[in-house]
Amino acid sequence: MEWIQKLKNIMGPDIISDENEVLENYASDHTEDFVYLPQVVAVPNNVNEVSVIVAFCNKNNIPVTPRGAGTGLSGGSLPIAGGVSLSLEKFNKILDIDEVNFQATVESGVINEAFQQAVKEKGLFYPPDPASKGSCFLGGNIAHSSGGPKALKYGTTKDYVLNLEVVLPNGKIIWTGADTLKNSTGYNLTQLMIGSEGTLGIVTKIVFKLLPLPKHDLLMLASFTSIEDACKAVPQIFINGISPSALELMEYNAVDYVIKHSNLSFELDTETAAFLLIEVDGNDKNQLFTDCEGINEVLEANNVQEVQFADTSDQKEKLWKIRRSIGEMVKLHSVYKEEDTVVKRANLPKLMKGVKEIGAEYGFESVCYGHAGDGNLHVNILKGEMSDTRWNGPHLEEAIRKIFRLCKKLGGTISGEHGIGLVQKKYMNEVLAPIHFELMKGIKKTFDPNGIMNPGKIWE
């Protein structure tokens, strides 16, 4: 196409490619088994190059799909409209760690875990830790306001962002806020960008707030013969005045699939229905032991089967690896759809019970796990032997709608941290009214009047 050659002439072949092999590498992410080929892949080196590419696309009405590491689960980085897949993979520098002000400035292509380790070496702490932290980019975390296990105590990505460098759809470069802990200066453009899934602009730099690094953490694994008992124990821990740093639920079959499809060994009792993985952290080790004793009392009151303490760092790492590997291992077992449901945590038993009843009614197996402490349950619906017609048609869509209606009834919504992207947009009307869409589309129109930035995401 003529525009492709023009863009190549402007940017050069090292930045712009339309070779099939390259296009295929950017055609999918971790969302089910979707593949959408872009027409061009752009891999810029700096913000000015991003600006030139985006301005060119805006002038010529060419879709731009921002892309991080491609670890998303809602299809946010899929180039469904063709056009340009713009990768931030070269934006991989930690520019500054300000130990005096507990801040850091990074590029958006820095890997989450690499950033965590860099600040940890200086006695600082960046809590958001998605399951994909070893590969996901911080820019992608911004796009979805990612959470992770430690969001329970420390909050999600949105709670740590002070300022963003953003390339707008017209190619202009702005900073959205200020590098200060307080900022009451006009509309909060920084928070507006967080969770916008690349539909309003492209984040190229981030200023994060940091915390002091906790000195100690303790980890315990509790098994239950009843999923309902495991869920009921969760709010009672908080009622007893204990605030874990993480409280994760894993159904039996979730752990079973990890063992079957990985090299991780773990002894499973077939009478076990669910596990709670519970972490406490802080600077007073004696207080942490007291917290664990209090947690254990709650677990025993809820018919816990067994409680194990991770005594070494290797044991802790193994348990966390099992938890973080579930999504990947389930996908090795079967194509699946992941629903990122979230309700008030006291309603988690009702959500879990409802999901299983809907699965029985519509004929699918579900694998449930997630952040029980904040009511965020990941529901993996397995295709298994289901026909393509039922899997892709109204049959399964109706089942998913029932799950989301239950979430709303229980005071929740359809996504806690994975975003809406491509796959959840058809369900947005289950939780949002027409006025919500009107307001959001008005914001989109203001930022992106030509509609080039990640089109076809969030709403129909």
Protein backbone atom coordinates (compact mmCIF):
# COMPACT_ATOMS: atom_id res chain seq x y z
CA MET A 1 0.00 0.00 0.00
CA GLU A 2 1.12 3.54 -0.69
CA TRP A 3 0.90 4.69 2.93
CA ILE A 4 3.13 1.83 4.09
CA GLN A 5 5.89 2.86 1.72
CA LYS A 6 5.53 6.50 2.78
CA LEU A 7 5.86 5.52 6.44
CA LYS A 8 8.91 3.39 5.64
CA ASN A 9 10.47 6.33 3.82
CA ILE A 10 9.88 8.61 6.79
CA MET A 11 11.01 6.25 9.57
CA GLY A 12 13.32 3.76 7.86
CA PRO A 13 13.21 -0.06 7.57
CA ASP A 14 14.74 -0.58 11.02
CA ILE A 15 11.59 0.85 12.59
CA ILE A 16 8.83 -0.08 10.12
CA SER A 17 8.29 -3.61 8.83
CA ASP A 18 5.55 -5.32 6.84
CA GLU A 19 7.27 -8.68 6.45
CA ASN A 20 4.90 -11.58 7.15
CA GLU A 21 7.16 -13.19 9.74
CA VAL A 22 7.30 -9.95 11.72
CA LEU A 23 3.56 -9.30 11.42
CA GLU A 24 2.78 -12.77 12.77
CA ASN A 25 4.85 -12.09 15.89
CA TYR A 26 2.58 -9.16 16.78
CA ALA A 27 -0.74 -10.71 15.73
CA SER A 28 -1.69 -12.35 19.03
CA ASP A 29 -1.35 -12.01 22.78
CA HIS A 30 -2.36 -14.32 25.64
CA THR A 31 -6.08 -13.94 24.91
CA GLU A 32 -7.55 -17.32 23.97
CA ASP A 33 -6.37 -18.28 20.47
CA PHE A 34 -7.07 -15.04 18.57
CA VAL A 35 -4.85 -13.93 15.68
CA TYR A 36 -5.18 -10.53 13.93
CA LEU A 37 -2.42 -9.49 11.54
CA PRO A 38 -1.43 -5.82 11.52
CA GLN A 39 -0.46 -4.29 8.20
CA VAL A 40 2.70 -2.82 9.66
CA VAL A 41 4.77 -3.24 12.82
CA ALA A 42 6.48 -0.12 14.17
CA VAL A 43 9.23 -0.45 16.79
CA PRO A 44 10.34 3.13 17.62
CA ASN A 45 13.37 3.97 19.74
CA ASN A 46 12.19 7.14 21.48
CA VAL A 47 9.19 9.34 22.17
CA ASN A 48 9.86 11.62 19.20
CA GLU A 49 9.69 8.68 16.81
CA VAL A 50 6.41 7.58 18.42
CA SER A 51 5.12 11.11 17.90
CA VAL A 52 6.02 11.14 14.19
CA ILE A 53 4.43 7.73 13.57
CA VAL A 54 1.21 8.56 15.40
CA ALA A 55 0.89 11.99 13.74
CA PHE A 56 1.32 10.34 10.31
CA CYS A 57 -1.35 7.76 11.13
CA ASN A 58 -3.72 10.41 12.44
CA LYS A 59 -3.34 12.49 9.29
CA ASN A 60 -3.98 9.45 7.09
CA ASN A 61 -6.70 7.79 9.23
CA ILE A 62 -4.63 4.67 9.88
CA PRO A 63 -5.44 2.62 13.02
CA VAL A 64 -2.72 2.40 15.69
CA THR A 65 -2.70 -0.39 18.25
CA PRO A 66 -0.21 0.19 21.10
CA ARG A 67 1.54 -2.97 22.24
CA GLY A 68 3.51 -3.86 25.34
CA ALA A 69 4.72 -7.38 26.06
CA GLY A 70 1.57 -9.04 24.69
CA THR A 71 0.71 -10.75 27.98
CA GLY A 72 -2.82 -9.33 28.18
CA LEU A 73 -5.89 -11.53 28.61
CA SER A 74 -8.60 -9.28 27.17
CA GLY A 75 -7.24 -8.72 23.66
CA GLY A 76 -6.23 -5.10 24.28
CA SER A 77 -3.12 -5.32 22.08
CA LEU A 78 -4.73 -7.21 19.20
CA PRO A 79 -4.64 -5.12 15.98
CA ILE A 80 -8.21 -6.00 15.00
CA ALA A 81 -8.46 -3.09 12.55
CA GLY A 82 -5.13 -3.81 10.84
CA GLY A 83 -3.06 -0.66 10.54
CA VAL A 84 0.01 -0.22 12.72
CA SER A 85 0.97 -2.36 15.71
CA LEU A 86 3.21 0.03 17.64
CA SER A 87 5.50 -1.80 20.02
CA LEU A 88 7.11 -0.17 23.07
CA GLU A 89 9.67 -2.97 23.48
CA LYS A 90 12.67 -0.64 23.08
CA PHE A 91 11.41 1.65 25.88
CA ASN A 92 13.17 -0.52 28.45
CA LYS A 93 15.18 1.90 30.59
CA ILE A 94 14.85 2.67 34.28
CA LEU A 95 15.76 6.35 34.04
CA ASP A 96 15.98 7.33 37.69
CA ILE A 97 15.39 5.91 41.17
CA ASP A 98 15.03 8.81 43.58
CA GLU A 99 15.83 7.33 47.00
CA VAL A 100 15.27 10.63 48.80
CA ASN A 101 11.74 11.20 47.50
CA PHE A 102 10.77 7.53 47.12
CA GLN A 103 10.06 7.89 43.40
CA ALA A 104 11.24 6.35 40.16
CA THR A 105 11.02 7.39 36.52
CA VAL A 106 10.90 4.59 33.97
CA GLU A 107 10.11 3.97 30.33
CA SER A 108 6.93 2.04 29.63
CA GLY A 109 8.65 -1.04 28.20
CA VAL A 110 10.42 -1.93 31.45
CA ILE A 111 9.44 -5.39 32.73
CA ASN A 112 7.53 -5.28 36.01
CA GLU A 113 9.78 -7.71 37.89
CA ALA A 114 12.98 -6.04 36.66
CA PHE A 115 11.68 -2.77 38.09
CA GLN A 116 10.71 -4.43 41.37
CA GLN A 117 14.19 -5.92 41.74
CA ALA A 118 15.93 -2.64 40.89
CA VAL A 119 14.09 -0.69 43.59
CA LYS A 120 14.40 -3.59 46.06
CA GLU A 121 18.19 -3.33 45.83
CA LYS A 122 17.84 0.19 47.20
CA GLY A 123 15.53 -0.84 50.04
CA LEU A 124 12.42 0.37 48.21
CA PHE A 125 9.21 -1.39 47.24
CA TYR A 126 6.89 -1.33 44.21
CA PRO A 127 3.96 -3.59 45.17
CA PRO A 128 1.84 -4.27 42.02
CA ASP A 129 2.79 -7.81 40.99
CA PRO A 130 0.64 -9.39 38.25
CA ALA A 131 1.01 -13.12 37.59
CA SER A 132 2.93 -12.20 34.43
CA LYS A 133 5.32 -9.89 36.31
CA GLY A 134 8.33 -11.71 34.86
CA SER A 135 7.42 -10.62 31.33
CA CYS A 136 4.71 -7.91 31.35
CA PHE A 137 5.62 -4.27 30.68
CA LEU A 138 4.84 -1.45 33.08
CA GLY A 139 3.08 0.38 30.24
CA GLY A 140 0.69 -2.54 29.88
CA ASN A 141 0.12 -2.44 33.63
CA ILE A 142 -0.83 1.22 33.23
CA ALA A 143 -3.22 0.37 30.40
CA HIS A 144 -5.19 -2.03 32.60
CA SER A 145 -4.42 -0.71 36.11
CA SER A 146 -3.02 -4.15 36.84
CA GLY A 147 -3.08 -5.58 40.33
CA GLY A 148 -1.78 -8.93 41.52
CA PRO A 149 -1.73 -10.63 44.92
CA LYS A 150 -0.28 -7.69 46.84
CA ALA A 151 -3.05 -5.37 45.62
CA LEU A 152 -4.97 -6.64 48.64
CA LYS A 153 -2.86 -4.64 51.08
CA TYR A 154 -1.12 -2.13 48.85
CA GLY A 155 -3.50 -1.30 45.99
CA THR A 156 -3.21 -1.57 42.22
CA THR A 157 -1.07 0.23 39.65
CA LYS A 158 -3.25 3.36 39.77
CA ASP A 159 -2.23 3.94 43.39
CA TYR A 160 1.45 4.37 42.48
CA VAL A 161 1.40 6.58 39.38
CA LEU A 162 2.24 10.26 39.86
CA ASN A 163 2.84 11.40 36.30
CA LEU A 164 2.85 10.09 32.73
CA GLU A 165 4.49 11.11 29.50
CA VAL A 166 1.89 10.45 26.79
CA VAL A 167 1.83 10.73 23.02
CA LEU A 168 -1.66 11.87 22.09
CA PRO A 169 -3.43 10.60 18.94
CA ASN A 170 -2.49 13.82 17.09
CA GLY A 171 1.19 13.18 17.86
CA LYS A 172 1.59 15.84 20.54
CA ILE A 173 3.60 14.91 23.64
CA ILE A 174 2.34 15.87 27.10
CA TRP A 175 2.98 15.16 30.77
CA THR A 176 -0.33 14.47 32.48
CA GLY A 177 0.42 15.60 36.03
CA ALA A 178 3.25 16.45 38.41
CA ASP A 179 5.96 14.53 40.24
CA THR A 180 4.38 15.31 43.61
CA LEU A 181 2.43 13.29 46.14
CA LYS A 182 -0.37 15.85 46.02
CA ASN A 183 -1.84 17.44 42.93
CA SER A 184 -5.18 19.23 42.83
CA THR A 185 -4.61 21.16 39.62
CA GLY A 186 -7.48 20.69 37.20
CA TYR A 187 -8.83 17.40 35.93
CA ASN A 188 -6.77 14.32 36.81
CA LEU A 189 -5.51 13.34 33.36
CA THR A 190 -3.05 10.89 34.89
CA GLN A 191 -5.76 8.70 36.38
CA LEU A 192 -7.85 9.06 33.23
CA MET A 193 -5.06 7.47 31.20
CA ILE A 194 -4.70 4.57 33.66
CA GLY A 195 -7.05 1.79 32.60
CA SER A 196 -7.86 3.42 29.26
CA GLU A 197 -6.27 0.47 27.42
CA GLY A 198 -4.37 2.53 24.85
CA THR A 199 -7.52 4.15 23.48
CA LEU A 200 -6.59 7.72 24.49
CA GLY A 201 -2.84 7.83 23.86
CA ILE A 202 0.46 5.99 24.19
CA VAL A 203 2.29 6.08 27.52
CA THR A 204 6.06 6.37 27.03
CA LYS A 205 7.34 7.34 30.50
CA ILE A 206 6.00 6.84 34.03
CA VAL A 207 6.79 8.45 37.37
CA PHE A 208 6.00 6.01 40.18
CA LYS A 209 5.61 6.49 43.90
CA LEU A 210 7.53 3.90 45.96
CA LEU A 211 7.31 2.53 49.51
CA PRO A 212 9.85 1.32 52.07
CA LEU A 213 10.59 -2.37 51.58
CA PRO A 214 9.02 -4.61 54.27
CA LYS A 215 11.72 -6.56 56.09
CA HIS A 216 9.86 -9.83 56.62
CA ASP A 217 7.09 -11.96 55.18
CA LEU A 218 5.49 -15.24 56.21
CA LEU A 219 3.52 -17.56 53.93
CA MET A 220 1.01 -20.25 54.80
CA LEU A 221 -1.01 -22.66 52.66
CA ALA A 222 -4.37 -23.86 53.95
CA SER A 223 -6.35 -26.70 52.35
CA PHE A 224 -10.10 -27.24 52.66
CA THR A 225 -12.45 -30.08 51.71
CA SER A 226 -15.12 -27.47 50.96
CA ILE A 227 -14.73 -24.50 48.61
CA GLU A 228 -17.49 -22.73 50.54
CA ASP A 229 -15.55 -23.06 53.81
CA ALA A 230 -12.43 -21.64 52.15
CA CYS A 231 -14.39 -18.66 50.83
CA LYS A 232 -16.14 -18.05 54.15
CA ALA A 233 -12.81 -17.89 55.99
CA VAL A 234 -11.62 -14.96 53.85
CA PRO A 235 -13.69 -12.05 55.26
CA GLN A 236 -13.39 -13.42 58.79
CA ILE A 237 -9.63 -12.92 58.72
CA PHE A 238 -10.17 -9.20 58.21
CA ILE A 239 -12.99 -9.05 60.76
CA ASN A 240 -10.47 -10.37 63.30
CA GLY A 241 -8.26 -7.33 62.65
CA ILE A 242 -5.62 -8.96 60.45
CA SER A 243 -4.60 -7.46 57.09
CA PRO A 244 -2.68 -10.01 54.98
CA SER A 245 -0.44 -8.74 52.19
CA ALA A 246 -1.90 -11.45 49.95
CA LEU A 247 -4.79 -13.89 50.22
CA GLU A 248 -5.20 -16.14 47.19
CA LEU A 249 -7.76 -18.84 46.42
CA MET A 250 -6.87 -21.87 44.27
CA GLU A 251 -9.40 -24.53 43.38
CA TYR A 252 -8.18 -28.14 43.44
CA ASN A 253 -8.29 -28.54 39.66
CA ALA A 254 -6.25 -25.33 39.23
CA VAL A 255 -3.35 -26.80 41.20
CA ASP A 256 -3.85 -30.19 39.56
CA TYR A 257 -3.39 -28.71 36.08
CA VAL A 258 -0.18 -26.96 37.19
CA ILE A 259 1.24 -30.27 38.42
CA LYS A 260 0.19 -32.11 35.26
CA HIS A 261 1.63 -29.57 32.82
CA SER A 262 4.76 -28.31 34.61
CA ASN A 263 7.82 -29.70 36.38
CA LEU A 264 6.52 -28.51 39.76
CA SER A 265 5.88 -31.32 42.22
CA PHE A 266 3.22 -31.06 44.90
CA GLU A 267 1.36 -33.73 46.84
CA LEU A 268 -2.38 -33.41 46.35
CA ASP A 269 -5.03 -34.99 48.55
CA THR A 270 -8.03 -35.91 46.39
CA GLU A 271 -10.35 -34.89 49.23
CA THR A 272 -9.07 -31.30 49.00
CA ALA A 273 -11.45 -28.93 47.23
CA ALA A 274 -9.58 -25.62 47.54
CA PHE A 275 -6.51 -23.87 48.92
CA LEU A 276 -5.92 -20.47 50.47
CA LEU A 277 -2.41 -19.06 50.05
CA ILE A 278 -1.98 -16.40 52.74
CA GLU A 279 0.94 -13.99 53.19
CA VAL A 280 1.62 -11.42 55.87
CA ASP A 281 4.46 -8.90 55.71
CA GLY A 282 5.93 -6.10 57.78
CA ASN A 283 8.91 -5.08 59.90
CA ASP A 284 8.01 -6.75 63.22
CA LYS A 285 8.48 -10.49 62.88
CA ASN A 286 6.87 -11.23 66.24
CA GLN A 287 3.74 -9.39 65.14
CA LEU A 288 3.67 -11.42 61.94
CA PHE A 289 3.77 -14.67 63.94
CA THR A 290 0.92 -13.34 66.07
CA ASP A 291 -1.02 -12.55 62.88
CA CYS A 292 -0.44 -16.08 61.61
CA GLU A 293 -1.74 -17.52 64.87
CA GLY A 294 -4.86 -15.39 64.52
CA ILE A 295 -5.31 -16.49 60.91
CA ASN A 296 -4.91 -20.11 61.94
CA GLU A 297 -7.70 -19.73 64.51
CA VAL A 298 -10.02 -18.43 61.79
CA LEU A 299 -9.05 -21.29 59.46
CA GLU A 300 -9.73 -23.90 62.15
CA ALA A 301 -13.11 -22.34 62.85
CA ASN A 302 -13.91 -22.86 59.16
CA ASN A 303 -13.03 -26.57 59.02
CA VAL A 304 -9.55 -26.25 57.55
CA GLN A 305 -8.13 -29.58 56.44
CA GLU A 306 -4.43 -28.73 56.88
CA VAL A 307 -2.22 -25.66 57.32
CA GLN A 308 1.37 -25.65 56.06
CA PHE A 309 3.98 -22.94 56.68
CA ALA A 310 6.62 -22.18 54.06
CA ASP A 311 9.79 -22.30 56.16
CA THR A 312 12.33 -21.38 53.49
CA SER A 313 12.57 -18.96 50.60
CA ASP A 314 12.60 -21.94 48.22
CA GLN A 315 9.31 -23.20 49.64
CA LYS A 316 7.78 -19.75 49.34
CA GLU A 317 8.97 -19.43 45.76
CA LYS A 318 7.52 -22.84 44.87
CA LEU A 319 4.08 -22.02 46.29
CA TRP A 320 3.99 -18.67 44.52
CA LYS A 321 5.14 -20.30 41.27
CA ILE A 322 2.22 -22.75 41.48
CA ARG A 323 -0.19 -19.86 41.99
CA ARG A 324 1.28 -17.71 39.20
CA SER A 325 1.45 -20.61 36.72
CA ILE A 326 -2.24 -21.53 36.82
CA GLY A 327 -3.41 -19.51 33.82
CA GLU A 328 -0.56 -20.68 31.61
CA MET A 329 -0.95 -24.33 32.63
CA VAL A 330 -4.72 -24.31 32.15
CA LYS A 331 -4.18 -23.00 28.62
CA LEU A 332 -1.85 -25.93 27.91
CA HIS A 333 -4.71 -28.22 28.91
CA SER A 334 -7.46 -26.56 26.88
CA VAL A 335 -8.47 -23.43 25.01
CA TYR A 336 -10.26 -21.31 27.58
CA LYS A 337 -12.02 -18.02 28.17
CA GLU A 338 -10.90 -16.13 31.26
CA GLU A 339 -13.47 -14.01 33.08
CA ASP A 340 -12.01 -11.53 35.55
CA THR A 341 -14.95 -11.31 37.94
CA VAL A 342 -14.93 -9.17 41.09
CA VAL A 343 -17.42 -8.81 43.94
CA LYS A 344 -17.42 -7.68 47.56
CA ARG A 345 -15.21 -10.25 49.26
CA ALA A 346 -17.94 -11.38 51.70
CA ASN A 347 -19.96 -12.39 48.62
CA LEU A 348 -17.22 -14.64 47.24
CA PRO A 349 -18.94 -17.87 48.42
CA LYS A 350 -22.11 -16.89 46.52
CA LEU A 351 -20.11 -16.05 43.40
CA MET A 352 -18.22 -19.34 43.47
CA LYS A 353 -21.42 -21.32 44.05
CA GLY A 354 -23.16 -19.46 41.22
CA VAL A 355 -20.31 -20.02 38.77
CA LYS A 356 -20.38 -23.76 39.41
CA GLU A 357 -24.17 -23.89 39.00
CA ILE A 358 -23.97 -22.00 35.70
CA GLY A 359 -21.23 -24.36 34.52
CA ALA A 360 -23.41 -27.36 35.31
CA GLU A 361 -26.36 -25.79 33.49
CA TYR A 362 -24.38 -24.94 30.33
CA GLY A 363 -22.04 -27.91 30.27
CA PHE A 364 -18.58 -26.51 30.88
CA GLU A 365 -15.80 -27.08 33.39
CA SER A 366 -14.47 -24.01 35.15
CA VAL A 367 -11.16 -23.50 36.91
CA CYS A 368 -11.47 -20.84 39.60
CA TYR A 369 -8.65 -19.05 41.36
CA GLY A 370 -7.57 -15.53 42.17
CA HIS A 371 -7.35 -12.76 44.69
CA ALA A 372 -9.88 -13.89 47.27
CA GLY A 373 -8.91 -11.14 49.70
CA ASP A 374 -10.28 -8.43 47.40
CA GLY A 375 -13.08 -10.50 45.88
CA ASN A 376 -11.37 -10.83 42.49
CA LEU A 377 -12.02 -14.33 41.13
CA HIS A 378 -10.53 -15.48 37.82
CA VAL A 379 -12.95 -17.90 36.18
CA ASN A 380 -11.35 -20.00 33.43
CA ILE A 381 -14.06 -21.59 31.27
CA LEU A 382 -12.56 -24.60 29.49
CA LYS A 383 -13.58 -25.50 25.95
CA GLY A 384 -12.75 -29.16 26.48
CA GLU A 385 -14.99 -31.24 24.21
CA MET A 386 -17.48 -28.41 23.56
CA SER A 387 -18.23 -27.95 19.87
CA ASP A 388 -16.97 -24.84 18.07
CA THR A 389 -20.58 -23.81 17.45
CA ARG A 390 -21.47 -23.83 21.15
CA TRP A 391 -18.09 -22.36 22.15
CA ASN A 392 -18.29 -19.39 19.78
CA GLY A 393 -22.04 -18.94 19.71
CA PRO A 394 -24.88 -17.63 21.84
CA HIS A 395 -24.88 -20.70 24.11
CA LEU A 396 -21.67 -19.78 25.92
CA GLU A 397 -22.29 -16.05 25.64
CA GLU A 398 -25.53 -16.52 27.55
CA ALA A 399 -23.67 -18.40 30.28
CA ILE A 400 -21.05 -15.66 30.61
CA ARG A 401 -23.80 -13.04 30.79
CA LYS A 402 -25.34 -14.97 33.66
CA ILE A 403 -22.00 -14.92 35.50
CA PHE A 404 -21.67 -11.17 35.00
CA ARG A 405 -25.28 -10.54 36.06
CA LEU A 406 -24.52 -12.47 39.23
CA CYS A 407 -21.45 -10.28 39.78
CA LYS A 408 -23.55 -7.15 39.50
CA LYS A 409 -26.19 -8.59 41.84
CA LEU A 410 -23.43 -9.26 44.37
CA GLY A 411 -22.19 -5.66 44.22
CA GLY A 412 -19.39 -6.32 41.73
CA THR A 413 -18.45 -5.82 38.10
CA ILE A 414 -17.04 -7.67 35.08
CA SER A 415 -13.31 -6.92 35.40
CA GLY A 416 -11.08 -6.31 38.38
CA GLU A 417 -7.70 -6.01 36.69
CA HIS A 418 -7.61 -7.57 33.20
CA GLY A 419 -9.54 -4.82 31.45
CA ILE A 420 -12.25 -4.99 28.79
CA GLY A 421 -10.34 -4.87 25.52
CA LEU A 422 -11.87 -6.97 22.75
CA VAL A 423 -13.39 -9.97 24.49
CA GLN A 424 -15.46 -8.32 27.25
CA LYS A 425 -16.83 -5.32 25.37
CA LYS A 426 -20.07 -7.06 24.40
CA TYR A 427 -20.85 -7.49 28.11
CA MET A 428 -20.29 -3.90 29.19
CA ASN A 429 -24.03 -3.17 29.00
CA GLU A 430 -24.57 -5.63 31.84
CA VAL A 431 -22.95 -3.23 34.31
CA LEU A 432 -23.01 0.20 32.64
CA ALA A 433 -25.95 2.39 31.60
CA PRO A 434 -26.20 4.36 28.32
CA ILE A 435 -25.04 7.53 30.11
CA HIS A 436 -21.74 5.81 30.96
CA PHE A 437 -21.11 5.02 27.29
CA GLU A 438 -22.09 8.54 26.29
CA LEU A 439 -19.57 10.05 28.71
CA MET A 440 -16.75 7.66 27.78
CA LYS A 441 -17.30 8.09 24.06
CA GLY A 442 -17.28 11.87 24.57
CA ILE A 443 -13.88 11.60 26.27
CA LYS A 444 -12.61 9.37 23.47
CA LYS A 445 -13.81 11.86 20.85
CA THR A 446 -12.00 14.72 22.59
CA PHE A 447 -8.70 12.86 22.73
CA ASP A 448 -9.01 10.99 19.46
CA PRO A 449 -11.46 12.69 17.05
CA ASN A 450 -10.37 10.51 14.11
CA GLY A 451 -10.73 7.30 16.13
CA ILE A 452 -7.31 5.91 15.21
CA MET A 453 -6.11 4.86 18.67
CA ASN A 454 -6.76 1.18 19.44
CA PRO A 455 -10.15 1.16 17.70
CA GLY A 456 -12.75 -1.49 18.48
CA LYS A 457 -11.84 -1.87 22.14
CA ILE A 458 -13.81 -1.38 25.40
CA TRP A 459 -17.24 -0.88 23.76
CA GLU A 460 -18.98 -2.11 20.61
